[in-house]
């Protein structure tokens, strides 16, 4: 055989070998991408499921709150139970002076006398029970939501 023919056959065999190797690499890469895509889809389904579970919990809590409100309406009398000084302390306990929502020295507060404010602000047993009920329901909603977020973040790190 001619040396050129042998060299041509060697070149063709080398090229085929090279392309076969490239094809195998591409198949492996496609397989890895498919597995990653399937894993993402699995996670998304899991996250959607957790979101739906949270929505169901919120719905249940809302129904329980509404039922409790109806029961509280018959279990309370509307009598004064917290006087104005106590209401004022509770209303201002979480405010930071000078914030945009409540500027210090608001003119309307300065214009009213303390006795006027005392007569205006008081809380009934209904007010107090409603506030407690609302706090408990909202706390449970937020607690459940935070726990779901923590679970999702923990599952991402695994």
C-alpha atoms as a PDB file:
ATOM      1  CA  UNK A   1       0.000   0.000   0.000  1.00  0.00           C
ATOM      2  CA  UNK A   2       0.947   3.413  -0.634  1.00  0.00           C
ATOM      3  CA  UNK A   3       2.194   5.494   2.320  1.00  0.00           C
ATOM      4  CA  UNK A   4      -0.312   8.224   1.488  1.00  0.00           C
ATOM      5  CA  UNK A   5      -3.194   5.795   1.710  1.00  0.00           C
ATOM      6  CA  UNK A   6      -1.961   4.528   5.085  1.00  0.00           C
ATOM      7  CA  UNK A   7      -1.617   8.071   6.369  1.00  0.00           C
ATOM      8  CA  UNK A   8      -5.097   8.926   5.071  1.00  0.00           C
ATOM      9  CA  UNK A   9      -6.573   5.860   6.786  1.00  0.00           C
ATOM     10  CA  UNK A  10      -4.819   6.761  10.039  1.00  0.00           C
ATOM     11  CA  UNK A  11      -6.120  10.347   9.757  1.00  0.00           C
ATOM     12  CA  UNK A  12      -9.661   9.127   9.076  1.00  0.00           C
ATOM     13  CA  UNK A  13      -9.499   6.669  11.997  1.00  0.00           C
ATOM     14  CA  UNK A  14      -8.181   9.416  14.280  1.00  0.00           C
ATOM     15  CA  UNK A  15     -10.933  11.824  13.190  1.00  0.00           C
ATOM     16  CA  UNK A  16     -13.627   9.183  13.750  1.00  0.00           C
ATOM     17  CA  UNK A  17     -12.201   8.399  17.153  1.00  0.00           C
ATOM     18  CA  UNK A  18     -12.113  12.102  18.056  1.00  0.00           C
ATOM     19  CA  UNK A  19     -15.727  12.677  16.945  1.00  0.00           C
ATOM     20  CA  UNK A  20     -16.887   9.544  18.757  1.00  0.00           C
ATOM     21  CA  UNK A  21     -15.284  10.867  21.951  1.00  0.00           C
ATOM     22  CA  UNK A  22     -16.909  14.273  21.474  1.00  0.00           C
ATOM     23  CA  UNK A  23     -20.297  12.595  20.985  1.00  0.00           C
ATOM     24  CA  UNK A  24     -19.852  10.660  24.216  1.00  0.00           C
ATOM     25  CA  UNK A  25     -18.985  13.875  26.077  1.00  0.00           C
ATOM     26  CA  UNK A  26     -22.052  15.593  24.654  1.00  0.00           C
ATOM     27  CA  UNK A  27     -24.261  12.660  25.668  1.00  0.00           C
ATOM     28  CA  UNK A  28     -22.870  12.799  29.207  1.00  0.00           C
ATOM     29  CA  UNK A  29     -23.421  16.558  29.358  1.00  0.00           C
ATOM     30  CA  UNK A  30     -27.002  16.202  28.107  1.00  0.00           C
ATOM     31  CA  UNK A  31     -27.652  13.474  30.661  1.00  0.00           C
ATOM     32  CA  UNK A  32     -26.322  15.678  33.482  1.00  0.00           C
ATOM     33  CA  UNK A  33     -28.433  18.627  32.288  1.00  0.00           C
ATOM     34  CA  UNK A  34     -31.525  16.423  32.135  1.00  0.00           C
ATOM     35  CA  UNK A  35     -30.917  15.185  35.691  1.00  0.00           C
ATOM     36  CA  UNK A  36     -30.443  18.764  36.934  1.00  0.00           C
ATOM     37  CA  UNK A  37     -33.648  19.838  35.166  1.00  0.00           C
ATOM     38  CA  UNK A  38     -35.591  16.939  36.694  1.00  0.00           C
ATOM     39  CA  UNK A  39     -34.224  17.791  40.131  1.00  0.00           C
ATOM     40  CA  UNK A  40     -35.278  21.467  39.692  1.00  0.00           C
ATOM     41  CA  UNK A  41     -38.758  20.378  38.633  1.00  0.00           C
ATOM     42  CA  UNK A  42     -38.985  18.060  41.655  1.00  0.00           C
ATOM     43  CA  UNK A  43     -37.975  20.925  43.973  1.00  0.00           C
ATOM     44  CA  UNK A  44     -40.464  23.292  42.338  1.00  0.00           C
ATOM     45  CA  UNK A  45     -43.271  20.758  42.847  1.00  0.00           C
ATOM     46  CA  UNK A  46     -42.206  20.387  46.478  1.00  0.00           C
ATOM     47  CA  UNK A  47     -42.161  24.175  46.978  1.00  0.00           C
ATOM     48  CA  UNK A  48     -45.562  24.542  45.322  1.00  0.00           C
ATOM     49  CA  UNK A  49     -46.926  21.808  47.575  1.00  0.00           C
ATOM     50  CA  UNK A  50     -45.567  23.579  50.654  1.00  0.00           C
ATOM     51  CA  UNK A  51     -47.096  26.839  49.456  1.00  0.00           C
ATOM     52  CA  UNK A  52     -50.474  25.136  49.036  1.00  0.00           C
ATOM     53  CA  UNK A  53     -50.167  23.607  52.502  1.00  0.00           C
ATOM     54  CA  UNK A  54     -49.464  27.063  53.938  1.00  0.00           C
ATOM     55  CA  UNK A  55     -52.467  28.498  52.089  1.00  0.00           C
ATOM     56  CA  UNK A  56     -54.635  25.720  53.554  1.00  0.00           C
ATOM     57  CA  UNK A  57     -53.349  26.495  57.051  1.00  0.00           C
ATOM     58  CA  UNK A  58     -54.041  30.212  56.558  1.00  0.00           C
ATOM     59  CA  UNK A  59     -57.566  29.380  55.362  1.00  0.00           C
ATOM     60  CA  UNK A  60     -58.174  27.189  58.394  1.00  0.00           C
ATOM     61  CA  UNK A  61     -56.816  29.850  60.749  1.00  0.00           C
ATOM     62  CA  UNK A  62     -58.980  32.513  59.130  1.00  0.00           C
ATOM     63  CA  UNK A  63     -62.083  30.342  59.511  1.00  0.00           C
ATOM     64  CA  UNK A  64     -61.187  29.628  63.147  1.00  0.00           C
ATOM     65  CA  UNK A  65     -60.635  33.349  63.772  1.00  0.00           C
ATOM     66  CA  UNK A  66     -63.999  34.244  62.243  1.00  0.00           C
ATOM     67  CA  UNK A  67     -65.719  31.579  64.335  1.00  0.00           C
ATOM     68  CA  UNK A  68     -63.952  32.818  67.474  1.00  0.00           C
ATOM     69  CA  UNK A  69     -65.021  36.404  66.693  1.00  0.00           C
ATOM     70  CA  UNK A  70     -68.648  35.323  66.601  1.00  0.00           C
ATOM     71  CA  UNK A  71     -68.261  33.502  69.907  1.00  0.00           C
ATOM     72  CA  UNK A  72     -66.447  36.490  71.451  1.00  0.00           C
ATOM     73  CA  UNK A  73     -69.301  38.784  70.463  1.00  0.00           C
ATOM     74  CA  UNK A  74     -71.623  36.776  72.703  1.00  0.00           C
ATOM     75  CA  UNK A  75     -69.034  36.110  75.417  1.00  0.00           C
ATOM     76  CA  UNK A  76     -68.076  39.759  75.949  1.00  0.00           C
ATOM     77  CA  UNK A  77     -70.183  42.662  77.167  1.00  0.00           C
ATOM     78  CA  UNK A  78     -68.429  45.699  75.755  1.00  0.00           C
ATOM     79  CA  UNK A  79     -67.622  47.052  79.207  1.00  0.00           C
ATOM     80  CA  UNK A  80     -64.554  49.185  79.805  1.00  0.00           C
ATOM     81  CA  UNK A  81     -61.677  47.116  81.011  1.00  0.00           C
ATOM     82  CA  UNK A  82     -58.574  49.155  80.137  1.00  0.00           C
ATOM     83  CA  UNK A  83     -58.538  52.806  81.044  1.00  0.00           C
ATOM     84  CA  UNK A  84     -57.049  55.469  78.836  1.00  0.00           C
ATOM     85  CA  UNK A  85     -53.641  55.540  80.514  1.00  0.00           C
ATOM     86  CA  UNK A  86     -53.185  51.819  79.905  1.00  0.00           C
ATOM     87  CA  UNK A  87     -54.395  52.142  76.305  1.00  0.00           C
ATOM     88  CA  UNK A  88     -52.008  55.038  75.724  1.00  0.00           C
ATOM     89  CA  UNK A  89     -49.083  53.004  77.092  1.00  0.00           C
ATOM     90  CA  UNK A  90     -49.967  50.059  74.854  1.00  0.00           C
ATOM     91  CA  UNK A  91     -50.471  52.258  71.801  1.00  0.00           C
ATOM     92  CA  UNK A  92     -47.109  53.967  72.188  1.00  0.00           C
ATOM     93  CA  UNK A  93     -45.025  51.046  73.464  1.00  0.00           C
ATOM     94  CA  UNK A  94     -43.619  50.091  70.056  1.00  0.00           C
ATOM     95  CA  UNK A  95     -43.175  53.545  68.541  1.00  0.00           C
ATOM     96  CA  UNK A  96     -39.822  55.123  68.029  1.00  0.00           C
ATOM     97  CA  UNK A  97     -40.030  58.895  68.534  1.00  0.00           C
ATOM     98  CA  UNK A  98     -39.375  60.940  65.432  1.00  0.00           C
ATOM     99  CA  UNK A  99     -40.281  58.300  62.852  1.00  0.00           C
ATOM    100  CA  UNK A 100     -42.199  59.255  59.738  1.00  0.00           C
ATOM    101  CA  UNK A 101     -45.384  57.520  60.931  1.00  0.00           C
ATOM    102  CA  UNK A 102     -45.522  59.319  64.291  1.00  0.00           C
ATOM    103  CA  UNK A 103     -43.477  62.516  64.497  1.00  0.00           C
ATOM    104  CA  UNK A 104     -42.614  63.730  67.959  1.00  0.00           C
ATOM    105  CA  UNK A 105     -44.754  66.533  69.208  1.00  0.00           C
ATOM    106  CA  UNK A 106     -47.607  66.030  66.745  1.00  0.00           C
ATOM    107  CA  UNK A 107     -49.758  69.193  66.841  1.00  0.00           C
ATOM    108  CA  UNK A 108     -53.067  67.362  67.283  1.00  0.00           C
ATOM    109  CA  UNK A 109     -51.795  65.587  70.387  1.00  0.00           C
ATOM    110  CA  UNK A 110     -50.556  68.843  71.887  1.00  0.00           C
ATOM    111  CA  UNK A 111     -53.874  70.607  71.326  1.00  0.00           C
ATOM    112  CA  UNK A 112     -55.907  68.090  73.307  1.00  0.00           C
ATOM    113  CA  UNK A 113     -55.693  68.114  77.053  1.00  0.00           C
ATOM    114  CA  UNK A 114     -54.888  64.992  79.000  1.00  0.00           C
ATOM    115  CA  UNK A 115     -58.441  64.797  80.344  1.00  0.00           C
ATOM    116  CA  UNK A 116     -59.821  64.899  76.791  1.00  0.00           C
ATOM    117  CA  UNK A 117     -57.508  62.103  75.781  1.00  0.00           C
ATOM    118  CA  UNK A 118     -58.489  60.134  78.888  1.00  0.00           C
ATOM    119  CA  UNK A 119     -62.161  60.382  77.961  1.00  0.00           C
ATOM    120  CA  UNK A 120     -61.552  59.406  74.335  1.00  0.00           C
ATOM    121  CA  UNK A 121     -59.297  56.403  74.732  1.00  0.00           C
ATOM    122  CA  UNK A 122     -60.357  53.290  76.549  1.00  0.00           C
ATOM    123  CA  UNK A 123     -60.619  49.624  75.644  1.00  0.00           C
ATOM    124  CA  UNK A 124     -63.528  47.303  76.174  1.00  0.00           C
ATOM    125  CA  UNK A 125     -63.340  43.615  76.898  1.00  0.00           C
ATOM    126  CA  UNK A 126     -64.302  43.064  73.241  1.00  0.00           C
ATOM    127  CA  UNK A 127     -61.417  45.257  72.061  1.00  0.00           C
ATOM    128  CA  UNK A 128     -58.930  43.368  74.203  1.00  0.00           C
ATOM    129  CA  UNK A 129     -60.212  39.925  73.238  1.00  0.00           C
ATOM    130  CA  UNK A 130     -60.251  40.884  69.521  1.00  0.00           C
ATOM    131  CA  UNK A 131     -56.665  42.134  69.752  1.00  0.00           C
ATOM    132  CA  UNK A 132     -55.507  38.966  71.492  1.00  0.00           C
ATOM    133  CA  UNK A 133     -57.307  36.790  68.947  1.00  0.00           C
ATOM    134  CA  UNK A 134     -55.828  38.711  66.006  1.00  0.00           C
ATOM    135  CA  UNK A 135     -52.319  38.521  67.487  1.00  0.00           C
ATOM    136  CA  UNK A 136     -52.564  34.783  68.008  1.00  0.00           C
ATOM    137  CA  UNK A 137     -53.844  34.097  64.487  1.00  0.00           C
ATOM    138  CA  UNK A 138     -51.283  36.359  62.811  1.00  0.00           C
ATOM    139  CA  UNK A 139     -48.487  34.877  64.940  1.00  0.00           C
ATOM    140  CA  UNK A 140     -49.475  31.366  63.823  1.00  0.00           C
ATOM    141  CA  UNK A 141     -49.610  32.429  60.159  1.00  0.00           C
ATOM    142  CA  UNK A 142     -46.178  34.048  60.293  1.00  0.00           C
ATOM    143  CA  UNK A 143     -44.709  31.195  62.320  1.00  0.00           C
ATOM    144  CA  UNK A 144     -45.933  28.647  59.784  1.00  0.00           C
ATOM    145  CA  UNK A 145     -44.646  30.743  56.886  1.00  0.00           C
ATOM    146  CA  UNK A 146     -41.207  31.163  58.481  1.00  0.00           C
ATOM    147  CA  UNK A 147     -40.989  27.443  59.215  1.00  0.00           C
ATOM    148  CA  UNK A 148     -41.805  26.681  55.563  1.00  0.00           C
ATOM    149  CA  UNK A 149     -39.121  29.122  54.397  1.00  0.00           C
ATOM    150  CA  UNK A 150     -36.571  27.578  56.766  1.00  0.00           C
ATOM    151  CA  UNK A 151     -37.457  24.069  55.538  1.00  0.00           C
ATOM    152  CA  UNK A 152     -37.037  25.170  51.922  1.00  0.00           C
ATOM    153  CA  UNK A 153     -33.680  26.798  52.632  1.00  0.00           C
ATOM    154  CA  UNK A 154     -32.489  23.717  54.532  1.00  0.00           C
ATOM    155  CA  UNK A 155     -33.524  21.464  51.656  1.00  0.00           C
ATOM    156  CA  UNK A 156     -31.530  23.647  49.243  1.00  0.00           C
ATOM    157  CA  UNK A 157     -28.338  23.145  51.234  1.00  0.00           C
ATOM    158  CA  UNK A 158     -28.603  19.343  51.221  1.00  0.00           C
END
